[in-house]
Amino acid sequence: MLNADQIRMARAALRWGVRDLASRANITAATVTRIEAGRPGYAATLEAIQVAFEAAGIEFIPENGGGVGVRFSKPRD
């Protein structure tokens, strides 16, 4: 499951603003802001965020002893 830090890192990597992510994930900008502030989000909302990022070429790195993160991958589109 994504966390707030990963979402902020992915947005920064893509140079997306809150509204860019909200538009691509079909959620509100207020929802993005709340989740990035550390408040919980619905599983379906977090999945929509992840799908939007993955379509843009972001890969999420799970905890593997070095911490969670993000990196670029080939876009799925």
C-alpha atoms as a PDB file:
ATOM      1  CA  MET A   1       0.000   0.000   0.000  1.00  0.00           C
ATOM      2  CA  LEU A   2       1.276   3.465  -0.891  1.00  0.00           C
ATOM      3  CA  ASN A   3       2.197   5.938   1.785  1.00  0.00           C
ATOM      4  CA  ALA A   4       2.158   9.743   1.806  1.00  0.00           C
ATOM      5  CA  ASP A   5       5.908  10.044   1.271  1.00  0.00           C
ATOM      6  CA  GLN A   6       5.805   7.863  -1.833  1.00  0.00           C
ATOM      7  CA  ILE A   7       2.965   9.902  -3.277  1.00  0.00           C
ATOM      8  CA  ARG A   8       4.842  13.156  -2.722  1.00  0.00           C
ATOM      9  CA  MET A   9       8.041  11.655  -4.184  1.00  0.00           C
ATOM     10  CA  ALA A  10       6.218  10.392  -7.265  1.00  0.00           C
ATOM     11  CA  ARG A  11       4.550  13.759  -7.839  1.00  0.00           C
ATOM     12  CA  ALA A  12       7.901  15.504  -7.526  1.00  0.00           C
ATOM     13  CA  ALA A  13       9.563  13.071  -9.937  1.00  0.00           C
ATOM     14  CA  LEU A  14       6.902  13.759 -12.552  1.00  0.00           C
ATOM     15  CA  ARG A  15       6.719  17.471 -11.718  1.00  0.00           C
ATOM     16  CA  TRP A  16       2.982  17.101 -11.130  1.00  0.00           C
ATOM     17  CA  GLY A  17       1.008  19.409  -8.905  1.00  0.00           C
ATOM     18  CA  VAL A  18      -1.776  18.202  -6.646  1.00  0.00           C
ATOM     19  CA  ARG A  19      -4.339  19.057  -9.314  1.00  0.00           C
ATOM     20  CA  ASP A  20      -2.423  17.086 -11.966  1.00  0.00           C
ATOM     21  CA  LEU A  21      -2.533  13.936  -9.859  1.00  0.00           C
ATOM     22  CA  ALA A  22      -6.156  14.515  -8.889  1.00  0.00           C
ATOM     23  CA  SER A  23      -7.170  14.846 -12.524  1.00  0.00           C
ATOM     24  CA  ARG A  24      -5.308  11.739 -13.645  1.00  0.00           C
ATOM     25  CA  ALA A  25      -6.619   9.645 -10.731  1.00  0.00           C
ATOM     26  CA  ASN A  26     -10.188  11.018 -10.977  1.00  0.00           C
ATOM     27  CA  ILE A  27     -10.198  12.217  -7.383  1.00  0.00           C
ATOM     28  CA  THR A  28     -10.322  15.675  -5.820  1.00  0.00           C
ATOM     29  CA  ALA A  29      -7.286  17.804  -5.076  1.00  0.00           C
ATOM     30  CA  ALA A  30      -8.472  17.974  -1.454  1.00  0.00           C
ATOM     31  CA  THR A  31      -8.275  14.170  -1.273  1.00  0.00           C
ATOM     32  CA  VAL A  32      -4.683  14.212  -2.509  1.00  0.00           C
ATOM     33  CA  THR A  33      -3.793  16.879   0.041  1.00  0.00           C
ATOM     34  CA  ARG A  34      -5.412  14.919   2.891  1.00  0.00           C
ATOM     35  CA  ILE A  35      -3.617  11.691   1.976  1.00  0.00           C
ATOM     36  CA  GLU A  36      -0.275  13.472   1.601  1.00  0.00           C
ATOM     37  CA  ALA A  37      -0.810  14.969   5.058  1.00  0.00           C
ATOM     38  CA  GLY A  38      -0.881  11.433   6.450  1.00  0.00           C
ATOM     39  CA  ARG A  39      -4.606  10.931   6.798  1.00  0.00           C
ATOM     40  CA  PRO A  40      -5.951   7.550   5.698  1.00  0.00           C
ATOM     41  CA  GLY A  41      -7.443   7.054   2.265  1.00  0.00           C
ATOM     42  CA  TYR A  42      -9.810   4.451   0.912  1.00  0.00           C
ATOM     43  CA  ALA A  43      -8.154   1.451  -0.733  1.00  0.00           C
ATOM     44  CA  ALA A  44      -9.864   2.275  -4.038  1.00  0.00           C
ATOM     45  CA  THR A  45      -8.524   5.846  -3.900  1.00  0.00           C
ATOM     46  CA  LEU A  46      -4.968   4.694  -3.209  1.00  0.00           C
ATOM     47  CA  GLU A  47      -5.276   2.197  -6.045  1.00  0.00           C
ATOM     48  CA  ALA A  48      -6.443   4.955  -8.430  1.00  0.00           C
ATOM     49  CA  ILE A  49      -3.423   7.047  -7.426  1.00  0.00           C
ATOM     50  CA  GLN A  50      -1.067   4.129  -7.959  1.00  0.00           C
ATOM     51  CA  VAL A  51      -2.559   3.307 -11.375  1.00  0.00           C
ATOM     52  CA  ALA A  52      -2.207   6.948 -12.477  1.00  0.00           C
ATOM     53  CA  PHE A  53       1.433   7.039 -11.447  1.00  0.00           C
ATOM     54  CA  GLU A  54       2.249   3.681 -12.990  1.00  0.00           C
ATOM     55  CA  ALA A  55       0.666   4.753 -16.282  1.00  0.00           C
ATOM     56  CA  ALA A  56       3.001   7.763 -16.229  1.00  0.00           C
ATOM     57  CA  GLY A  57       6.080   5.607 -15.673  1.00  0.00           C
ATOM     58  CA  ILE A  58       6.523   5.465 -11.918  1.00  0.00           C
ATOM     59  CA  GLU A  59       7.325   2.216 -10.137  1.00  0.00           C
ATOM     60  CA  PHE A  60       6.821   1.908  -6.392  1.00  0.00           C
ATOM     61  CA  ILE A  61       9.559   0.191  -4.407  1.00  0.00           C
ATOM     62  CA  PRO A  62       8.338  -1.796  -1.391  1.00  0.00           C
ATOM     63  CA  GLU A  63      10.126  -2.001   1.938  1.00  0.00           C
ATOM     64  CA  ASN A  64      13.162  -4.185   1.348  1.00  0.00           C
ATOM     65  CA  GLY A  65      15.442  -3.281   4.197  1.00  0.00           C
ATOM     66  CA  GLY A  66      16.359   0.033   2.575  1.00  0.00           C
ATOM     67  CA  GLY A  67      12.997   1.744   2.902  1.00  0.00           C
ATOM     68  CA  VAL A  68      10.136   2.399   0.515  1.00  0.00           C
ATOM     69  CA  GLY A  69      10.604   4.593  -2.514  1.00  0.00           C
ATOM     70  CA  VAL A  70       9.784   5.320  -6.133  1.00  0.00           C
ATOM     71  CA  ARG A  71      11.683   5.150  -9.400  1.00  0.00           C
ATOM     72  CA  PHE A  72      11.046   5.655 -13.088  1.00  0.00           C
ATOM     73  CA  SER A  73      10.087   2.714 -15.245  1.00  0.00           C
ATOM     74  CA  LYS A  74       8.826   2.439 -18.793  1.00  0.00           C
ATOM     75  CA  PRO A  75       5.322   3.921 -19.123  1.00  0.00           C
ATOM     76  CA  ARG A  76       2.556   1.351 -19.582  1.00  0.00           C
ATOM     77  CA  ASP A  77       0.668   3.418 -22.189  1.00  0.00           C
END
